[in-house]
Structures are given as structure tokens and as C-alpha cells.
């Protein structure tokens, strides 16, 4: 029995907090994946229908997804940090000091992306994909579109905190800058259901945003870039389809 445990336990010294970060991250991703299943949502849907009866069923389902992202990407990691005595979340990507000076590299990334998004927005495949909330000429757009975009932004903030904050800065005591490529693996995997170009692009985005967060200790600008691009994509799609009025 002793030999068995020697084979399944680490043989090299490891920072216990890093080990906890890795295990909590794995549990969070597992929870997020399976809590989205139809069987789980069927138990939640009556509650959402009663509380959000003015919103259509498709939007309610997306709000459940965004809420799960907030729980699994943000609340569970924060709860773990509090339990191990880490109360300063600035150490995990929520540093807000010097925000103006830290924004220059992100703006360099954002400026060429907006024209590219504009060009791609003319493609039928783009317009049929975005926004995730399926709307047509009969859909009452307001306030549904505002609710959706705010929930979408919350999801991106939670995602940035999880990958570029909790994972990168939580594992840096043991891994140093290798915490960035370690973060890139699960970040790539959550894009496996997306088209190949987007999945491949997640490797580049994961590296660049991860390294920028590693050096700046901040995820705020990364979240801003993600949200700005996502909102632009949604609004351009609605505009091309003549749904903005």
C-alpha cells in the first residue's frame, strides 16, 4: 500500500497553494461543464421562468450559463483563496493601480482587431453565430439585449479572473512564468467546440493576455478587450441584419 501511494503522490516538493489552485481549477471546470447539461437545467428552468418571465426562454438559458461562469470561474476560486487565508485579491489579477500605464499594450491589440471584426461581420456565418441570443425581426430587443450584453460581460470578467488571474498568479510561486503555458492548456480546451480558427486563436490570445497579466498583475484591461470585441461583434451582427432599428 505504501508503494501505491508513493506512485500517485508528488515526489518533488510543490507549493501547497499551487496544488490547491490546480485542484480547485479542475473542479471548477468540471462543475461548469456538467451543470450546463439539459438534465440540470430542467430543474432550474421553472425557477427562472417564474422570476424572469418577461425574457424569452433562449435568453434565460444563456443567463444560466453566464451565472454558472460567474460561480465556477470567480466565486469558487475566491472562496478557496479566502479559506486558505488569501484576502488580497489584487495579488490574483485584480490590481487596479496604474491602470492607465498598463493599458497601452492592450490598446495596441484592440485597435487592429476592431477593423478585422468589422470585415468578418459581413460573412453570413458570422451573422448566424452572433449574438448567442437568437433574435429575429419578431423579437422584442429591449431590454433583452441589454440584459444579455451585461451578462456576457460578467462572463468575460469571470473568465479572465479564472485563467489570467487565479491560474496564472496562483501557480506562479511554483511555476514562475511557466504558469502562463500551464493556463493555456485548459483555456484552449474550452474552445474545442468553437470553429478551428477561433480555437487556434485562443492559443495566441491565451499566451499574450497571460503574459501581460503576469507582468502587470492585472486582468482588468484583458477583460476590457474581451468585452469590447464581443460587444462589437454582437452589435455589428444585429446591425447587418437590420435589427437595431
Protein backbone atom coordinates (compact mmCIF):
# COMPACT_ATOMS: atom_id res chain seq x y z
CA UNK A 1 0.00 0.00 0.00
CA UNK A 2 2.86 2.38 0.81
CA UNK A 3 4.33 1.75 -2.64
CA UNK A 4 1.00 2.56 -4.26
CA UNK A 5 0.81 5.96 -2.56
CA UNK A 6 4.42 6.69 -3.46
CA UNK A 7 3.48 6.23 -7.10
CA UNK A 8 0.42 8.51 -7.10
CA UNK A 9 1.70 11.33 -4.87
CA UNK A 10 4.19 14.02 -5.97
CA UNK A 11 7.83 13.12 -5.39
CA UNK A 12 9.13 16.66 -5.87
CA UNK A 13 8.38 19.50 -3.42
CA UNK A 14 5.50 21.70 -4.55
CA UNK A 15 3.94 24.83 -3.14
CA UNK A 16 0.75 23.59 -1.44
CA UNK A 17 -1.18 26.66 -2.53
CA UNK A 18 -0.26 25.95 -6.16
CA UNK A 19 -1.50 22.39 -5.77
CA UNK A 20 -4.75 23.72 -4.30
CA UNK A 21 -5.15 26.19 -7.18
CA UNK A 22 -4.74 23.38 -9.72
CA UNK A 23 -7.22 21.08 -7.97
CA UNK A 24 -9.81 23.84 -7.45
CA UNK A 25 -9.44 24.86 -11.10
CA UNK A 26 -10.07 21.29 -12.25
CA UNK A 27 -13.17 21.05 -10.01
CA UNK A 28 -14.47 24.40 -11.25
CA UNK A 29 -14.15 23.37 -14.90
CA UNK A 30 -15.82 20.04 -14.16
CA UNK A 31 -18.70 21.79 -12.40
CA UNK A 32 -19.13 24.30 -15.21
CA UNK A 33 -19.26 21.61 -17.88
CA UNK A 34 -21.80 19.31 -16.24
CA UNK A 35 -24.01 21.98 -14.66
CA UNK A 36 -24.92 23.13 -18.17
CA UNK A 37 -26.46 19.78 -19.12
CA UNK A 38 -30.12 19.67 -20.07
CA UNK A 39 -31.00 17.44 -17.11
CA UNK A 40 -29.66 20.03 -14.65
CA UNK A 41 -31.22 22.96 -16.44
CA UNK A 42 -34.60 21.22 -16.44
CA UNK A 43 -34.58 21.52 -12.63
CA UNK A 44 -33.62 25.20 -12.75
CA UNK A 45 -35.80 26.34 -15.65
CA UNK A 46 -39.13 26.60 -13.69
CA UNK A 47 -37.46 28.95 -11.19
CA UNK A 48 -36.00 31.11 -13.95
CA UNK A 49 -39.33 31.15 -15.80
CA UNK A 50 -41.09 32.46 -12.73
CA UNK A 51 -38.51 35.10 -11.88
CA UNK A 52 -37.60 36.17 -15.42
CA UNK A 53 -40.93 35.63 -17.14
CA UNK A 54 -40.53 38.76 -19.28
CA UNK A 55 -37.46 37.25 -21.01
CA UNK A 56 -37.67 34.56 -23.67
CA UNK A 57 -36.56 31.00 -22.99
CA UNK A 58 -33.37 31.26 -25.05
CA UNK A 59 -32.18 34.28 -23.11
CA UNK A 60 -32.99 32.62 -19.79
CA UNK A 61 -30.84 29.64 -20.76
CA UNK A 62 -27.94 31.94 -21.65
CA UNK A 63 -28.31 33.81 -18.35
CA UNK A 64 -27.99 30.47 -16.56
CA UNK A 65 -24.75 29.83 -18.48
CA UNK A 66 -23.36 33.28 -17.58
CA UNK A 67 -24.34 32.74 -13.93
CA UNK A 68 -22.55 29.38 -13.88
CA UNK A 69 -19.44 31.02 -15.33
CA UNK A 70 -19.53 33.59 -12.54
CA UNK A 71 -19.86 30.86 -9.90
CA UNK A 72 -17.24 28.49 -11.32
CA UNK A 73 -14.74 31.00 -12.69
CA UNK A 74 -14.95 33.55 -9.87
CA UNK A 75 -16.87 32.61 -6.71
CA UNK A 76 -15.38 29.13 -6.21
CA UNK A 77 -11.76 30.31 -6.67
CA UNK A 78 -12.35 33.33 -4.40
CA UNK A 79 -13.90 31.07 -1.73
CA UNK A 80 -10.82 28.84 -1.88
CA UNK A 81 -8.49 31.83 -1.53
CA UNK A 82 -10.40 33.09 1.49
CA UNK A 83 -10.32 29.63 3.08
CA UNK A 84 -6.51 29.48 2.79
CA UNK A 85 -6.14 32.99 4.19
CA UNK A 86 -5.65 34.94 0.95
CA UNK A 87 -7.80 38.05 1.33
CA UNK A 88 -5.96 40.40 -1.04
CA UNK A 89 -7.39 39.63 -4.47
CA UNK A 90 -5.11 42.23 -6.03
CA UNK A 91 -2.44 39.53 -5.92
CA UNK A 92 -4.62 37.42 -8.24
CA UNK A 93 -5.18 39.86 -11.05
CA UNK A 94 -7.45 42.48 -9.50
CA UNK A 95 -4.72 45.08 -9.09
CA UNK A 96 -6.14 48.43 -10.23
CA UNK A 97 -3.24 50.79 -9.50
CA UNK A 98 -1.50 52.27 -12.53
CA UNK A 99 -4.31 51.25 -14.86
CA UNK A 100 -3.60 53.97 -17.44
CA UNK A 101 0.02 53.00 -17.97
CA UNK A 102 -0.85 49.30 -18.10
CA UNK A 103 -3.40 49.81 -20.87
CA UNK A 104 -1.07 50.69 -23.75
CA UNK A 105 -0.21 47.11 -24.83
CA UNK A 106 -3.88 46.15 -24.71
CA UNK A 107 -4.90 49.09 -26.88
CA UNK A 108 -2.24 48.05 -29.39
CA UNK A 109 -4.02 44.69 -29.50
CA UNK A 110 -7.52 46.15 -29.68
CA UNK A 111 -7.07 48.78 -32.41
CA UNK A 112 -6.33 46.34 -35.29
CA UNK A 113 -8.95 43.87 -34.04
CA UNK A 114 -11.92 46.21 -34.46
CA UNK A 115 -11.44 46.67 -38.26
CA UNK A 116 -10.97 42.89 -38.62
CA UNK A 117 -14.19 42.25 -36.72
CA UNK A 118 -15.95 44.76 -38.96
CA UNK A 119 -14.77 42.91 -42.10
CA UNK A 120 -15.74 39.49 -40.71
CA UNK A 121 -19.17 40.85 -39.75
CA UNK A 122 -20.19 40.81 -43.42
CA UNK A 123 -19.95 36.99 -43.50
CA UNK A 124 -23.26 35.09 -43.24
CA UNK A 125 -21.62 32.61 -40.84
CA UNK A 126 -20.72 35.49 -38.54
CA UNK A 127 -24.25 36.88 -38.59
CA UNK A 128 -25.75 33.46 -37.91
CA UNK A 129 -23.50 32.93 -34.87
CA UNK A 130 -23.63 36.26 -33.04
CA UNK A 131 -25.13 37.23 -30.76
CA UNK A 132 -25.55 33.92 -28.94
CA UNK A 133 -29.04 35.10 -28.00
CA UNK A 134 -31.06 34.12 -31.06
CA UNK A 135 -33.12 37.12 -32.16
CA UNK A 136 -35.17 37.84 -35.27
CA UNK A 137 -37.44 40.57 -36.61
CA UNK A 138 -40.25 39.48 -34.25
CA UNK A 139 -38.07 39.59 -31.11
CA UNK A 140 -38.58 42.42 -28.65
CA UNK A 141 -34.99 43.61 -28.50
CA UNK A 142 -35.13 45.86 -25.45
CA UNK A 143 -34.39 45.37 -22.60
CA UNK A 144 -33.37 41.81 -23.51
CA UNK A 145 -30.29 42.83 -25.48
CA UNK A 146 -29.07 45.00 -22.58
CA UNK A 147 -29.59 42.16 -20.09
CA UNK A 148 -27.72 39.78 -22.37
CA UNK A 149 -24.75 42.06 -23.01
CA UNK A 150 -24.31 42.78 -19.30
CA UNK A 151 -24.42 39.04 -18.52
CA UNK A 152 -21.99 38.42 -21.40
CA UNK A 153 -19.60 40.99 -19.91
CA UNK A 154 -19.84 39.37 -16.47
CA UNK A 155 -18.94 36.04 -18.05
CA UNK A 156 -15.83 37.54 -19.66
CA UNK A 157 -14.72 39.19 -16.42
CA UNK A 158 -15.12 35.85 -14.62
CA UNK A 159 -13.24 34.01 -17.36
CA UNK A 160 -10.34 36.49 -17.27
CA UNK A 161 -10.14 36.25 -13.49
CA UNK A 162 -10.06 32.45 -13.61
CA UNK A 163 -7.49 31.96 -16.36
CA UNK A 164 -5.32 35.09 -16.28
CA UNK A 165 -5.74 35.80 -12.57
CA UNK A 166 -6.37 32.74 -10.41
CA UNK A 167 -4.46 30.21 -12.53
CA UNK A 168 -1.56 32.41 -13.61
CA UNK A 169 -0.89 34.15 -10.31
CA UNK A 170 -1.97 31.26 -8.12
CA UNK A 171 0.60 28.92 -9.65
CA UNK A 172 3.46 31.38 -10.18
CA UNK A 173 5.08 30.64 -6.75
CA UNK A 174 5.93 27.15 -8.06
CA UNK A 175 5.95 27.59 -11.84
CA UNK A 176 7.11 31.16 -12.38
CA UNK A 177 6.28 32.33 -15.90
CA UNK A 178 5.54 28.72 -16.85
CA UNK A 179 2.19 29.35 -15.18
CA UNK A 180 1.18 31.04 -18.45
CA UNK A 181 1.59 27.98 -20.76
CA UNK A 182 0.06 25.84 -17.99
CA UNK A 183 -3.01 28.11 -18.11
CA UNK A 184 -3.13 27.94 -21.91
CA UNK A 185 -3.97 24.22 -21.98
CA UNK A 186 -7.39 24.37 -20.25
CA UNK A 187 -8.08 27.69 -21.98
CA UNK A 188 -7.60 26.01 -25.35
CA UNK A 189 -9.77 23.08 -24.33
CA UNK A 190 -12.82 25.24 -23.56
CA UNK A 191 -12.62 26.39 -27.20
CA UNK A 192 -12.75 22.88 -28.70
CA UNK A 193 -16.44 23.33 -29.54
CA UNK A 194 -15.68 26.53 -31.49
CA UNK A 195 -14.60 26.75 -35.17
CA UNK A 196 -10.94 25.88 -35.74
CA UNK A 197 -9.76 29.48 -36.40
CA UNK A 198 -11.24 30.63 -33.09
CA UNK A 199 -9.76 27.66 -31.22
CA UNK A 200 -6.35 28.28 -32.77
CA UNK A 201 -6.64 31.97 -31.97
CA UNK A 202 -7.23 31.09 -28.32
CA UNK A 203 -3.65 29.84 -28.15
CA UNK A 204 -2.33 33.21 -29.25
CA UNK A 205 -4.77 35.16 -27.09
CA UNK A 206 -4.04 32.92 -24.10
CA UNK A 207 -0.30 33.49 -24.40
CA UNK A 208 -0.46 37.26 -24.99
CA UNK A 209 -3.10 38.02 -22.35
CA UNK A 210 -1.46 35.61 -19.92
CA UNK A 211 1.97 37.20 -20.22
CA UNK A 212 0.54 40.72 -19.99
CA UNK A 213 -1.31 39.75 -16.80
CA UNK A 214 1.79 38.02 -15.44
CA UNK A 215 3.84 41.20 -15.75
CA UNK A 216 1.14 43.73 -14.83
CA UNK A 217 -0.62 41.59 -12.18
CA UNK A 218 -3.90 42.87 -13.60
CA UNK A 219 -6.72 41.30 -15.62
CA UNK A 220 -8.80 44.47 -15.98
CA UNK A 221 -7.54 45.51 -19.40
CA UNK A 222 -7.73 41.93 -20.67
CA UNK A 223 -11.37 41.79 -19.60
CA UNK A 224 -11.96 45.16 -21.28
CA UNK A 225 -10.51 43.93 -24.60
CA UNK A 226 -12.57 40.74 -24.46
CA UNK A 227 -15.79 42.61 -23.68
CA UNK A 228 -15.16 45.36 -26.26
CA UNK A 229 -14.61 42.84 -29.06
CA UNK A 230 -17.60 40.70 -28.01
CA UNK A 231 -19.97 43.67 -27.81
CA UNK A 232 -18.74 44.95 -31.17
CA UNK A 233 -19.37 41.55 -32.76
CA UNK A 234 -22.90 41.35 -31.38
CA UNK A 235 -23.87 44.89 -32.35
CA UNK A 236 -22.42 44.59 -35.86
CA UNK A 237 -24.32 41.35 -36.42
CA UNK A 238 -27.59 42.95 -35.29
CA UNK A 239 -26.88 45.99 -37.46
CA UNK A 240 -26.21 43.94 -40.60
CA UNK A 241 -29.46 42.08 -40.06
CA UNK A 242 -31.39 45.32 -39.65
CA UNK A 243 -32.45 44.54 -36.09
CA UNK A 244 -31.19 47.69 -34.38
CA UNK A 245 -33.98 49.81 -35.79
